[in-house]
Amino acid sequence: MSPARHKLPIGIQTFAQIMSEDYYYVDKTRFAHRLIEHGKYYSFPNSDPP
């Protein structure tokens, strides 16, 4: 039997909803810290269409 899969949080805007409704979540905090410490340029493109 395969393990249960989490739902993908497409269109979900709040962390509380992601956690309470068992959506898939990956914590990228350590990558943000590494970028801040070692990165030169920061680009955070807007994912919303104009």
PDB file of N, CA and C in Angstrom:
ATOM      1  N   MET A   1       0.841  -1.178   0.000  1.00  0.00           N
ATOM      2  CA  MET A   1       0.000   0.000   0.000  1.00  0.00           C
ATOM      3  C   MET A   1       0.887   1.242   0.000  1.00  0.00           C
ATOM      4  N   SER A   2       0.611   2.200  -0.872  1.00  0.00           N
ATOM      5  CA  SER A   2       1.420   3.410  -0.950  1.00  0.00           C
ATOM      6  C   SER A   2       0.983   4.411   0.123  1.00  0.00           C
ATOM      7  N   PRO A   3       1.940   5.255   0.569  1.00  0.00           N
ATOM      8  CA  PRO A   3       1.587   6.248   1.585  1.00  0.00           C
ATOM      9  C   PRO A   3       0.603   7.279   1.035  1.00  0.00           C
ATOM     10  N   ALA A   4      -0.167   7.874   1.930  1.00  0.00           N
ATOM     11  CA  ALA A   4      -1.131   8.908   1.527  1.00  0.00           C
ATOM     12  C   ALA A   4      -0.383  10.118   0.989  1.00  0.00           C
ATOM     13  N   ARG A   5      -0.934  10.733  -0.026  1.00  0.00           N
ATOM     14  CA  ARG A   5      -0.316  11.926  -0.605  1.00  0.00           C
ATOM     15  C   ARG A   5      -1.016  13.165  -0.088  1.00  0.00           C
ATOM     16  N   HIS A   6      -0.210  14.204   0.111  1.00  0.00           N
ATOM     17  CA  HIS A   6      -0.765  15.495   0.503  1.00  0.00           C
ATOM     18  C   HIS A   6      -1.258  16.217  -0.741  1.00  0.00           C
ATOM     19  N   LYS A   7      -2.230  17.089  -0.553  1.00  0.00           N
ATOM     20  CA  LYS A   7      -2.718  17.907  -1.655  1.00  0.00           C
ATOM     21  C   LYS A   7      -1.703  19.010  -1.925  1.00  0.00           C
ATOM     22  N   LEU A   8      -1.625  19.477  -3.171  1.00  0.00           N
ATOM     23  CA  LEU A   8      -0.769  20.606  -3.508  1.00  0.00           C
ATOM     24  C   LEU A   8      -1.506  21.902  -3.198  1.00  0.00           C
ATOM     25  N   PRO A   9      -0.829  22.871  -2.570  1.00  0.00           N
ATOM     26  CA  PRO A   9      -1.506  24.100  -2.137  1.00  0.00           C
ATOM     27  C   PRO A   9      -1.627  25.143  -3.251  1.00  0.00           C
ATOM     28  N   ILE A  10      -2.214  24.764  -4.354  1.00  0.00           N
ATOM     29  CA  ILE A  10      -2.385  25.679  -5.477  1.00  0.00           C
ATOM     30  C   ILE A  10      -3.501  26.664  -5.137  1.00  0.00           C
ATOM     31  N   GLY A  11      -3.158  27.949  -5.130  1.00  0.00           N
ATOM     32  CA  GLY A  11      -4.132  28.988  -4.829  1.00  0.00           C
ATOM     33  C   GLY A  11      -4.367  29.227  -3.350  1.00  0.00           C
ATOM     34  N   ILE A  12      -3.696  28.497  -2.483  1.00  0.00           N
ATOM     35  CA  ILE A  12      -3.861  28.678  -1.042  1.00  0.00           C
ATOM     36  C   ILE A  12      -2.953  29.824  -0.604  1.00  0.00           C
ATOM     37  N   GLN A  13      -3.494  30.766   0.150  1.00  0.00           N
ATOM     38  CA  GLN A  13      -2.761  31.975   0.499  1.00  0.00           C
ATOM     39  C   GLN A  13      -2.267  32.032   1.938  1.00  0.00           C
ATOM     40  N   THR A  14      -2.744  31.146   2.801  1.00  0.00           N
ATOM     41  CA  THR A  14      -2.349  31.240   4.210  1.00  0.00           C
ATOM     42  C   THR A  14      -1.671  29.965   4.688  1.00  0.00           C
ATOM     43  N   PHE A  15      -0.651  30.165   5.525  1.00  0.00           N
ATOM     44  CA  PHE A  15       0.063  29.040   6.117  1.00  0.00           C
ATOM     45  C   PHE A  15      -0.879  28.216   6.994  1.00  0.00           C
ATOM     46  N   ALA A  16      -1.764  28.897   7.715  1.00  0.00           N
ATOM     47  CA  ALA A  16      -2.711  28.194   8.592  1.00  0.00           C
ATOM     48  C   ALA A  16      -3.565  27.214   7.800  1.00  0.00           C
ATOM     49  N   GLN A  17      -4.032  27.618   6.641  1.00  0.00           N
ATOM     50  CA  GLN A  17      -4.863  26.733   5.818  1.00  0.00           C
ATOM     51  C   GLN A  17      -4.033  25.572   5.277  1.00  0.00           C
ATOM     52  N   ILE A  18      -2.797  25.833   4.889  1.00  0.00           N
ATOM     53  CA  ILE A  18      -1.913  24.759   4.406  1.00  0.00           C
ATOM     54  C   ILE A  18      -1.750  23.693   5.483  1.00  0.00           C
ATOM     55  N   MET A  19      -1.517  24.116   6.718  1.00  0.00           N
ATOM     56  CA  MET A  19      -1.306  23.165   7.803  1.00  0.00           C
ATOM     57  C   MET A  19      -2.602  22.477   8.222  1.00  0.00           C
ATOM     58  N   SER A  20      -3.686  23.226   8.345  1.00  0.00           N
ATOM     59  CA  SER A  20      -4.921  22.640   8.869  1.00  0.00           C
ATOM     60  C   SER A  20      -5.608  21.702   7.883  1.00  0.00           C
ATOM     61  N   GLU A  21      -5.372  21.916   6.585  1.00  0.00           N
ATOM     62  CA  GLU A  21      -6.039  21.084   5.587  1.00  0.00           C
ATOM     63  C   GLU A  21      -5.090  20.069   4.936  1.00  0.00           C
ATOM     64  N   ASP A  22      -3.943  19.860   5.571  1.00  0.00           N
ATOM     65  CA  ASP A  22      -2.992  18.810   5.174  1.00  0.00           C
ATOM     66  C   ASP A  22      -2.469  18.950   3.744  1.00  0.00           C
ATOM     67  N   TYR A  23      -2.092  20.180   3.379  1.00  0.00           N
ATOM     68  CA  TYR A  23      -1.471  20.403   2.079  1.00  0.00           C
ATOM     69  C   TYR A  23       0.029  20.118   2.169  1.00  0.00           C
ATOM     70  N   TYR A  24       0.650  19.884   1.041  1.00  0.00           N
ATOM     71  CA  TYR A  24       2.089  19.651   0.956  1.00  0.00           C
ATOM     72  C   TYR A  24       2.810  20.954   1.236  1.00  0.00           C
ATOM     73  N   TYR A  25       3.852  20.931   2.074  1.00  0.00           N
ATOM     74  CA  TYR A  25       4.599  22.138   2.436  1.00  0.00           C
ATOM     75  C   TYR A  25       6.079  21.797   2.541  1.00  0.00           C
ATOM     76  N   VAL A  26       6.927  22.628   1.969  1.00  0.00           N
ATOM     77  CA  VAL A  26       8.375  22.471   2.083  1.00  0.00           C
ATOM     78  C   VAL A  26       8.933  23.755   2.678  1.00  0.00           C
ATOM     79  N   ASP A  27       9.593  23.639   3.813  1.00  0.00           N
ATOM     80  CA  ASP A  27      10.183  24.801   4.479  1.00  0.00           C
ATOM     81  C   ASP A  27      11.507  25.141   3.796  1.00  0.00           C
ATOM     82  N   LYS A  28      11.596  26.329   3.211  1.00  0.00           N
ATOM     83  CA  LYS A  28      12.790  26.773   2.489  1.00  0.00           C
ATOM     84  C   LYS A  28      13.581  27.817   3.282  1.00  0.00           C
ATOM     85  N   THR A  29      13.358  27.889   4.592  1.00  0.00           N
ATOM     86  CA  THR A  29      14.004  28.893   5.425  1.00  0.00           C
ATOM     87  C   THR A  29      15.520  28.842   5.313  1.00  0.00           C
ATOM     88  N   ARG A  30      16.106  27.655   5.359  1.00  0.00           N
ATOM     89  CA  ARG A  30      17.575  27.577   5.309  1.00  0.00           C
ATOM     90  C   ARG A  30      18.119  28.086   3.985  1.00  0.00           C
ATOM     91  N   PHE A  31      17.369  27.944   2.913  1.00  0.00           N
ATOM     92  CA  PHE A  31      17.811  28.469   1.623  1.00  0.00           C
ATOM     93  C   PHE A  31      17.777  29.989   1.623  1.00  0.00           C
ATOM     94  N   ALA A  32      16.787  30.567   2.279  1.00  0.00           N
ATOM     95  CA  ALA A  32      16.702  32.025   2.385  1.00  0.00           C
ATOM     96  C   ALA A  32      17.887  32.561   3.178  1.00  0.00           C
ATOM     97  N   HIS A  33      18.241  31.902   4.265  1.00  0.00           N
ATOM     98  CA  HIS A  33      19.393  32.326   5.061  1.00  0.00           C
ATOM     99  C   HIS A  33      20.685  32.239   4.245  1.00  0.00           C
ATOM    100  N   ARG A  34      20.833  31.179   3.487  1.00  0.00           N
ATOM    101  CA  ARG A  34      22.025  31.024   2.660  1.00  0.00           C
ATOM    102  C   ARG A  34      22.087  32.111   1.588  1.00  0.00           C
ATOM    103  N   LEU A  35      20.961  32.432   0.986  1.00  0.00           N
ATOM    104  CA  LEU A  35      20.913  33.480  -0.024  1.00  0.00           C
ATOM    105  C   LEU A  35      21.305  34.832   0.580  1.00  0.00           C
ATOM    106  N   ILE A  36      20.790  35.120   1.772  1.00  0.00           N
ATOM    107  CA  ILE A  36      21.104  36.380   2.440  1.00  0.00           C
ATOM    108  C   ILE A  36      22.586  36.465   2.780  1.00  0.00           C
ATOM    109  N   GLU A  37      23.147  35.365   3.253  1.00  0.00           N
ATOM    110  CA  GLU A  37      24.554  35.363   3.671  1.00  0.00           C
ATOM    111  C   GLU A  37      25.532  35.353   2.496  1.00  0.00           C
ATOM    112  N   HIS A  38      25.184  34.681   1.400  1.00  0.00           N
ATOM    113  CA  HIS A  38      26.156  34.462   0.329  1.00  0.00           C
ATOM    114  C   HIS A  38      25.746  35.012  -1.026  1.00  0.00           C
ATOM    115  N   GLY A  39      24.530  35.473  -1.151  1.00  0.00           N
ATOM    116  CA  GLY A  39      24.051  35.942  -2.446  1.00  0.00           C
ATOM    117  C   GLY A  39      24.510  37.364  -2.739  1.00  0.00           C
ATOM    118  N   LYS A  40      24.511  37.708  -4.007  1.00  0.00           N
ATOM    119  CA  LYS A  40      24.872  39.062  -4.426  1.00  0.00           C
ATOM    120  C   LYS A  40      23.651  39.830  -4.907  1.00  0.00           C
ATOM    121  N   TYR A  41      22.777  39.145  -5.615  1.00  0.00           N
ATOM    122  CA  TYR A  41      21.608  39.791  -6.197  1.00  0.00           C
ATOM    123  C   TYR A  41      20.348  39.061  -5.748  1.00  0.00           C
ATOM    124  N   TYR A  42      19.313  39.812  -5.514  1.00  0.00           N
ATOM    125  CA  TYR A  42      18.064  39.238  -5.078  1.00  0.00           C
ATOM    126  C   TYR A  42      16.981  39.608  -6.072  1.00  0.00           C
ATOM    127  N   SER A  43      16.283  38.635  -6.579  1.00  0.00           N
ATOM    128  CA  SER A  43      15.187  38.874  -7.492  1.00  0.00           C
ATOM    129  C   SER A  43      14.008  38.030  -7.053  1.00  0.00           C
ATOM    130  N   PHE A  44      12.918  38.683  -6.758  1.00  0.00           N
ATOM    131  CA  PHE A  44      11.700  37.996  -6.346  1.00  0.00           C
ATOM    132  C   PHE A  44      10.610  38.356  -7.340  1.00  0.00           C
ATOM    133  N   PRO A  45      10.559  37.638  -8.460  1.00  0.00           N
ATOM    134  CA  PRO A  45       9.583  37.978  -9.485  1.00  0.00           C
ATOM    135  C   PRO A  45       8.157  37.813  -8.982  1.00  0.00           C
ATOM    136  N   ASN A  46       7.313  38.677  -9.445  1.00  0.00           N
ATOM    137  CA  ASN A  46       5.909  38.623  -9.089  1.00  0.00           C
ATOM    138  C   ASN A  46       5.251  37.484  -9.857  1.00  0.00           C
ATOM    139  N   SER A  47       4.614  36.585  -9.133  1.00  0.00           N
ATOM    140  CA  SER A  47       3.982  35.439  -9.800  1.00  0.00           C
ATOM    141  C   SER A  47       2.597  35.768 -10.314  1.00  0.00           C
ATOM    142  N   ASP A  48       2.063  36.928  -9.931  1.00  0.00           N
ATOM    143  CA  ASP A  48       0.739  37.333 -10.400  1.00  0.00           C
ATOM    144  C   ASP A  48       0.852  38.022 -11.738  1.00  0.00           C
ATOM    145  N   PRO A  49       0.021  37.672 -12.697  1.00  0.00           N
ATOM    146  CA  PRO A  49       0.074  38.361 -13.978  1.00  0.00           C
ATOM    147  C   PRO A  49      -0.366  39.814 -13.830  1.00  0.00           C
ATOM    148  N   PRO A  50       0.148  40.697 -14.690  1.00  0.00           N
ATOM    149  CA  PRO A  50      -0.198  42.124 -14.564  1.00  0.00           C
ATOM    150  C   PRO A  50      -1.667  42.381 -14.832  1.00  0.00           C
TER     151      PRO A  50
END
